[in-house]
Amino acid sequence: MPGVTLRGHVDSLSPASGVSYSTIGAHNATGNFTKIAQRLPVKISLDAKQPLLSQLRVGMSVVPTIDVIK
């Protein structure tokens, strides 16, 4: 679904990444050097009645843009 824009709102933010709660850091011997500590879980609730919502599937990736209203 390249180029598709869906609207929603931020439902919740995690106070910290999963690694922050771990007492032992993850051992990274697989060559996956993505810094998991920099990933913060954000729950985005999509607005209803958008025509392409039914095409979303588990495992899809997104590039979110968040507008902050002051």
PDB file of N, CA and C in Angstrom:
ATOM      1  N   MET A   1       0.813  -1.174   0.000  1.00  0.00           N
ATOM      2  CA  MET A   1       0.000   0.000   0.000  1.00  0.00           C
ATOM      3  C   MET A   1       0.875   1.264   0.000  1.00  0.00           C
ATOM      4  N   PRO A   2       1.899   1.307  -0.823  1.00  0.00           N
ATOM      5  CA  PRO A   2       2.774   2.483  -0.852  1.00  0.00           C
ATOM      6  C   PRO A   2       2.006   3.756  -1.186  1.00  0.00           C
ATOM      7  N   GLY A   3       2.358   4.823  -0.504  1.00  0.00           N
ATOM      8  CA  GLY A   3       1.742   6.113  -0.767  1.00  0.00           C
ATOM      9  C   GLY A   3       0.396   6.336  -0.107  1.00  0.00           C
ATOM     10  N   VAL A   4      -0.095   5.359   0.637  1.00  0.00           N
ATOM     11  CA  VAL A   4      -1.408   5.470   1.284  1.00  0.00           C
ATOM     12  C   VAL A   4      -1.261   6.220   2.608  1.00  0.00           C
ATOM     13  N   THR A   5      -2.167   7.134   2.879  1.00  0.00           N
ATOM     14  CA  THR A   5      -2.185   7.858   4.148  1.00  0.00           C
ATOM     15  C   THR A   5      -3.442   7.479   4.910  1.00  0.00           C
ATOM     16  N   LEU A   6      -3.262   7.052   6.154  1.00  0.00           N
ATOM     17  CA  LEU A   6      -4.383   6.756   7.044  1.00  0.00           C
ATOM     18  C   LEU A   6      -4.295   7.708   8.228  1.00  0.00           C
ATOM     19  N   ARG A   7      -5.429   8.066   8.773  1.00  0.00           N
ATOM     20  CA  ARG A   7      -5.452   9.011   9.891  1.00  0.00           C
ATOM     21  C   ARG A   7      -5.775   8.282  11.192  1.00  0.00           C
ATOM     22  N   GLY A   8      -5.201   8.783  12.278  1.00  0.00           N
ATOM     23  CA  GLY A   8      -5.432   8.213  13.594  1.00  0.00           C
ATOM     24  C   GLY A   8      -4.899   9.148  14.655  1.00  0.00           C
ATOM     25  N   HIS A   9      -4.784   8.622  15.872  1.00  0.00           N
ATOM     26  CA  HIS A   9      -4.231   9.419  16.963  1.00  0.00           C
ATOM     27  C   HIS A   9      -3.380   8.530  17.862  1.00  0.00           C
ATOM     28  N   VAL A  10      -2.437   9.149  18.550  1.00  0.00           N
ATOM     29  CA  VAL A  10      -1.583   8.409  19.482  1.00  0.00           C
ATOM     30  C   VAL A  10      -2.437   8.052  20.684  1.00  0.00           C
ATOM     31  N   ASP A  11      -2.571   6.754  20.931  1.00  0.00           N
ATOM     32  CA  ASP A  11      -3.376   6.263  22.044  1.00  0.00           C
ATOM     33  C   ASP A  11      -2.544   6.172  23.315  1.00  0.00           C
ATOM     34  N   SER A  12      -1.284   5.730  23.174  1.00  0.00           N
ATOM     35  CA  SER A  12      -0.420   5.632  24.350  1.00  0.00           C
ATOM     36  C   SER A  12       1.041   5.579  23.933  1.00  0.00           C
ATOM     37  N   LEU A  13       1.884   5.973  24.861  1.00  0.00           N
ATOM     38  CA  LEU A  13       3.334   5.889  24.708  1.00  0.00           C
ATOM     39  C   LEU A  13       3.869   5.074  25.866  1.00  0.00           C
ATOM     40  N   SER A  14       4.829   4.216  25.590  1.00  0.00           N
ATOM     41  CA  SER A  14       5.468   3.482  26.671  1.00  0.00           C
ATOM     42  C   SER A  14       6.433   4.434  27.373  1.00  0.00           C
ATOM     43  N   PRO A  15       6.530   4.361  28.698  1.00  0.00           N
ATOM     44  CA  PRO A  15       7.433   5.268  29.407  1.00  0.00           C
ATOM     45  C   PRO A  15       8.910   5.003  29.118  1.00  0.00           C
ATOM     46  N   ALA A  16       9.233   3.818  28.609  1.00  0.00           N
ATOM     47  CA  ALA A  16      10.627   3.482  28.301  1.00  0.00           C
ATOM     48  C   ALA A  16      10.651   2.294  27.361  1.00  0.00           C
ATOM     49  N   SER A  17      11.807   2.038  26.787  1.00  0.00           N
ATOM     50  CA  SER A  17      11.943   0.881  25.898  1.00  0.00           C
ATOM     51  C   SER A  17      12.000  -0.394  26.725  1.00  0.00           C
ATOM     52  N   GLY A  18      11.769  -1.530  26.084  1.00  0.00           N
ATOM     53  CA  GLY A  18      11.798  -2.820  26.764  1.00  0.00           C
ATOM     54  C   GLY A  18      13.144  -3.134  27.377  1.00  0.00           C
ATOM     55  N   VAL A  19      14.222  -2.679  26.749  1.00  0.00           N
ATOM     56  CA  VAL A  19      15.566  -2.944  27.258  1.00  0.00           C
ATOM     57  C   VAL A  19      15.783  -2.218  28.583  1.00  0.00           C
ATOM     58  N   SER A  20      15.135  -1.097  28.785  1.00  0.00           N
ATOM     59  CA  SER A  20      15.296  -0.331  30.023  1.00  0.00           C
ATOM     60  C   SER A  20      14.823  -1.121  31.235  1.00  0.00           C
ATOM     61  N   TYR A  21      13.863  -2.015  31.042  1.00  0.00           N
ATOM     62  CA  TYR A  21      13.327  -2.802  32.144  1.00  0.00           C
ATOM     63  C   TYR A  21      14.094  -4.106  32.364  1.00  0.00           C
ATOM     64  N   SER A  22      15.000  -4.425  31.463  1.00  0.00           N
ATOM     65  CA  SER A  22      15.729  -5.683  31.545  1.00  0.00           C
ATOM     66  C   SER A  22      16.910  -5.563  32.502  1.00  0.00           C
ATOM     67  N   THR A  23      17.100  -6.578  33.342  1.00  0.00           N
ATOM     68  CA  THR A  23      18.250  -6.563  34.249  1.00  0.00           C
ATOM     69  C   THR A  23      19.516  -7.032  33.547  1.00  0.00           C
ATOM     70  N   ILE A  24      19.356  -7.794  32.472  1.00  0.00           N
ATOM     71  CA  ILE A  24      20.493  -8.282  31.691  1.00  0.00           C
ATOM     72  C   ILE A  24      20.286  -7.841  30.252  1.00  0.00           C
ATOM     73  N   GLY A  25      21.286  -7.188  29.680  1.00  0.00           N
ATOM     74  CA  GLY A  25      21.182  -6.733  28.300  1.00  0.00           C
ATOM     75  C   GLY A  25      21.132  -7.898  27.330  1.00  0.00           C
ATOM     76  N   ALA A  26      20.538  -7.674  26.176  1.00  0.00           N
ATOM     77  CA  ALA A  26      20.439  -8.714  25.155  1.00  0.00           C
ATOM     78  C   ALA A  26      21.799  -8.947  24.510  1.00  0.00           C
ATOM     79  N   HIS A  27      22.145 -10.211  24.279  1.00  0.00           N
ATOM     80  CA  HIS A  27      23.384 -10.564  23.593  1.00  0.00           C
ATOM     81  C   HIS A  27      23.110 -10.557  22.099  1.00  0.00           C
ATOM     82  N   ASN A  28      23.897  -9.789  21.365  1.00  0.00           N
ATOM     83  CA  ASN A  28      23.628  -9.620  19.941  1.00  0.00           C
ATOM     84  C   ASN A  28      24.721 -10.283  19.117  1.00  0.00           C
ATOM     85  N   ALA A  29      24.610 -11.585  18.898  1.00  0.00           N
ATOM     86  CA  ALA A  29      25.600 -12.312  18.104  1.00  0.00           C
ATOM     87  C   ALA A  29      25.103 -12.578  16.688  1.00  0.00           C
ATOM     88  N   THR A  30      23.924 -12.118  16.353  1.00  0.00           N
ATOM     89  CA  THR A  30      23.339 -12.434  15.049  1.00  0.00           C
ATOM     90  C   THR A  30      23.670 -11.416  13.976  1.00  0.00           C
ATOM     91  N   GLY A  31      24.308 -10.315  14.343  1.00  0.00           N
ATOM     92  CA  GLY A  31      24.613  -9.283  13.357  1.00  0.00           C
ATOM     93  C   GLY A  31      23.508  -8.267  13.198  1.00  0.00           C
ATOM     94  N   ASN A  32      22.464  -8.370  14.005  1.00  0.00           N
ATOM     95  CA  ASN A  32      21.377  -7.396  13.970  1.00  0.00           C
ATOM     96  C   ASN A  32      21.769  -6.236  14.880  1.00  0.00           C
ATOM     97  N   PHE A  33      22.211  -5.147  14.285  1.00  0.00           N
ATOM     98  CA  PHE A  33      22.738  -4.049  15.080  1.00  0.00           C
ATOM     99  C   PHE A  33      21.757  -2.896  15.247  1.00  0.00           C
ATOM    100  N   THR A  34      20.472  -3.133  15.029  1.00  0.00           N
ATOM    101  CA  THR A  34      19.471  -2.111  15.305  1.00  0.00           C
ATOM    102  C   THR A  34      19.452  -1.878  16.807  1.00  0.00           C
ATOM    103  N   LYS A  35      19.554  -0.657  17.198  1.00  0.00           N
ATOM    104  CA  LYS A  35      19.583  -0.359  18.625  1.00  0.00           C
ATOM    105  C   LYS A  35      18.170  -0.432  19.183  1.00  0.00           C
ATOM    106  N   ILE A  36      17.841  -1.575  19.746  1.00  0.00           N
ATOM    107  CA  ILE A  36      16.507  -1.807  20.290  1.00  0.00           C
ATOM    108  C   ILE A  36      16.208  -0.811  21.403  1.00  0.00           C
ATOM    109  N   ALA A  37      17.235  -0.374  22.122  1.00  0.00           N
ATOM    110  CA  ALA A  37      17.028   0.569  23.217  1.00  0.00           C
ATOM    111  C   ALA A  37      16.460   1.892  22.724  1.00  0.00           C
ATOM    112  N   GLN A  38      16.575   2.165  21.431  1.00  0.00           N
ATOM    113  CA  GLN A  38      16.063   3.411  20.890  1.00  0.00           C
ATOM    114  C   GLN A  38      14.632   3.276  20.374  1.00  0.00           C
ATOM    115  N   ARG A  39      14.082   2.101  20.434  1.00  0.00           N
ATOM    116  CA  ARG A  39      12.702   1.896  19.986  1.00  0.00           C
ATOM    117  C   ARG A  39      11.759   2.058  21.163  1.00  0.00           C
ATOM    118  N   LEU A  40      10.806   2.951  21.024  1.00  0.00           N
ATOM    119  CA  LEU A  40       9.801   3.149  22.063  1.00  0.00           C
ATOM    120  C   LEU A  40       8.443   2.739  21.513  1.00  0.00           C
ATOM    121  N   PRO A  41       7.751   1.844  22.201  1.00  0.00           N
ATOM    122  CA  PRO A  41       6.432   1.430  21.730  1.00  0.00           C
ATOM    123  C   PRO A  41       5.433   2.587  21.744  1.00  0.00           C
ATOM    124  N   VAL A  42       4.773   2.797  20.622  1.00  0.00           N
ATOM    125  CA  VAL A  42       3.739   3.821  20.480  1.00  0.00           C
ATOM    126  C   VAL A  42       2.498   3.132  19.927  1.00  0.00           C
ATOM    127  N   LYS A  43       1.380   3.277  20.613  1.00  0.00           N
ATOM    128  CA  LYS A  43       0.126   2.690  20.138  1.00  0.00           C
ATOM    129  C   LYS A  43      -0.655   3.768  19.400  1.00  0.00           C
ATOM    130  N   ILE A  44      -0.917   3.532  18.112  1.00  0.00           N
ATOM    131  CA  ILE A  44      -1.669   4.467  17.285  1.00  0.00           C
ATOM    132  C   ILE A  44      -3.021   3.839  16.959  1.00  0.00           C
ATOM    133  N   SER A  45      -4.093   4.515  17.349  1.00  0.00           N
ATOM    134  CA  SER A  45      -5.448   4.053  17.024  1.00  0.00           C
ATOM    135  C   SER A  45      -5.883   4.745  15.741  1.00  0.00           C
ATOM    136  N   LEU A  46      -6.239   3.948  14.748  1.00  0.00           N
ATOM    137  CA  LEU A  46      -6.653   4.506  13.460  1.00  0.00           C
ATOM    138  C   LEU A  46      -8.115   4.923  13.503  1.00  0.00           C
ATOM    139  N   ASP A  47      -8.412   6.053  12.866  1.00  0.00           N
ATOM    140  CA  ASP A  47      -9.788   6.536  12.789  1.00  0.00           C
ATOM    141  C   ASP A  47     -10.634   5.569  11.958  1.00  0.00           C
ATOM    142  N   ALA A  48     -11.875   5.379  12.366  1.00  0.00           N
ATOM    143  CA  ALA A  48     -12.787   4.463  11.667  1.00  0.00           C
ATOM    144  C   ALA A  48     -13.233   5.052  10.331  1.00  0.00           C
ATOM    145  N   LYS A  49     -13.871   4.223   9.544  1.00  0.00           N
ATOM    146  CA  LYS A  49     -14.481   4.606   8.261  1.00  0.00           C
ATOM    147  C   LYS A  49     -13.470   5.131   7.242  1.00  0.00           C
ATOM    148  N   GLN A  50     -12.312   4.478   7.185  1.00  0.00           N
ATOM    149  CA  GLN A  50     -11.340   4.770   6.137  1.00  0.00           C
ATOM    150  C   GLN A  50     -11.352   3.575   5.191  1.00  0.00           C
ATOM    151  N   PRO A  51     -11.464   3.792   3.903  1.00  0.00           N
ATOM    152  CA  PRO A  51     -11.681   2.700   2.955  1.00  0.00           C
ATOM    153  C   PRO A  51     -10.612   1.606   2.955  1.00  0.00           C
ATOM    154  N   LEU A  52      -9.378   1.924   3.270  1.00  0.00           N
ATOM    155  CA  LEU A  52      -8.316   0.919   3.165  1.00  0.00           C
ATOM    156  C   LEU A  52      -8.002   0.207   4.479  1.00  0.00           C
ATOM    157  N   LEU A  53      -8.737   0.489   5.542  1.00  0.00           N
ATOM    158  CA  LEU A  53      -8.475  -0.166   6.826  1.00  0.00           C
ATOM    159  C   LEU A  53      -8.586  -1.686   6.725  1.00  0.00           C
ATOM    160  N   SER A  54      -9.488  -2.171   5.926  1.00  0.00           N
ATOM    161  CA  SER A  54      -9.704  -3.621   5.814  1.00  0.00           C
ATOM    162  C   SER A  54      -8.532  -4.330   5.144  1.00  0.00           C
ATOM    163  N   GLN A  55      -7.641  -3.587   4.501  1.00  0.00           N
ATOM    164  CA  GLN A  55      -6.494  -4.199   3.829  1.00  0.00           C
ATOM    165  C   GLN A  55      -5.266  -4.313   4.732  1.00  0.00           C
ATOM    166  N   LEU A  56      -5.326  -3.754   5.941  1.00  0.00           N
ATOM    167  CA  LEU A  56      -4.191  -3.844   6.858  1.00  0.00           C
ATOM    168  C   LEU A  56      -4.040  -5.265   7.378  1.00  0.00           C
ATOM    169  N   ARG A  57      -2.797  -5.709   7.518  1.00  0.00           N
ATOM    170  CA  ARG A  57      -2.504  -7.054   8.011  1.00  0.00           C
ATOM    171  C   ARG A  57      -1.435  -6.989   9.090  1.00  0.00           C
ATOM    172  N   VAL A  58      -1.446  -7.952   9.979  1.00  0.00           N
ATOM    173  CA  VAL A  58      -0.422  -8.065  11.011  1.00  0.00           C
ATOM    174  C   VAL A  58       0.934  -8.226  10.342  1.00  0.00           C
ATOM    175  N   GLY A  59       1.936  -7.516  10.847  1.00  0.00           N
ATOM    176  CA  GLY A  59       3.290  -7.630  10.324  1.00  0.00           C
ATOM    177  C   GLY A  59       3.663  -6.569   9.309  1.00  0.00           C
ATOM    178  N   MET A  60       2.692  -5.779   8.868  1.00  0.00           N
ATOM    179  CA  MET A  60       3.002  -4.695   7.934  1.00  0.00           C
ATOM    180  C   MET A  60       3.829  -3.631   8.652  1.00  0.00           C
ATOM    181  N   SER A  61       4.632  -2.918   7.893  1.00  0.00           N
ATOM    182  CA  SER A  61       5.434  -1.823   8.439  1.00  0.00           C
ATOM    183  C   SER A  61       4.834  -0.491   8.010  1.00  0.00           C
ATOM    184  N   VAL A  62       5.091   0.530   8.822  1.00  0.00           N
ATOM    185  CA  VAL A  62       4.605   1.868   8.501  1.00  0.00           C
ATOM    186  C   VAL A  62       5.712   2.889   8.731  1.00  0.00           C
ATOM    187  N   VAL A  63       5.530   4.037   8.148  1.00  0.00           N
ATOM    188  CA  VAL A  63       6.375   5.197   8.433  1.00  0.00           C
ATOM    189  C   VAL A  63       5.420   6.267   8.954  1.00  0.00           C
ATOM    190  N   PRO A  64       5.290   6.373  10.284  1.00  0.00           N
ATOM    191  CA  PRO A  64       4.313   7.311  10.832  1.00  0.00           C
ATOM    192  C   PRO A  64       4.814   8.753  10.815  1.00  0.00           C
ATOM    193  N   THR A  65       3.881   9.668  10.674  1.00  0.00           N
ATOM    194  CA  THR A  65       4.144  11.091  10.835  1.00  0.00           C
ATOM    195  C   THR A  65       3.174  11.582  11.892  1.00  0.00           C
ATOM    196  N   ILE A  66       3.696  12.210  12.930  1.00  0.00           N
ATOM    197  CA  ILE A  66       2.848  12.663  14.029  1.00  0.00           C
ATOM    198  C   ILE A  66       2.874  14.183  14.076  1.00  0.00           C
ATOM    199  N   ASP A  67       1.699  14.797  13.942  1.00  0.00           N
ATOM    200  CA  ASP A  67       1.558  16.245  14.070  1.00  0.00           C
ATOM    201  C   ASP A  67       1.191  16.553  15.513  1.00  0.00           C
ATOM    202  N   VAL A  68       1.924  17.462  16.121  1.00  0.00           N
ATOM    203  CA  VAL A  68       1.666  17.840  17.506  1.00  0.00           C
ATOM    204  C   VAL A  68       0.897  19.153  17.511  1.00  0.00           C
ATOM    205  N   ILE A  69      -0.268  19.128  18.141  1.00  0.00           N
ATOM    206  CA  ILE A  69      -1.089  20.333  18.254  1.00  0.00           C
ATOM    207  C   ILE A  69      -0.711  21.029  19.551  1.00  0.00           C
ATOM    208  N   LYS A  70      -0.344  22.285  19.449  1.00  0.00           N
ATOM    209  CA  LYS A  70       0.070  23.026  20.650  1.00  0.00           C
ATOM    210  C   LYS A  70      -1.064  23.851  21.193  1.00  0.00           C
TER     211      LYS A  70
END
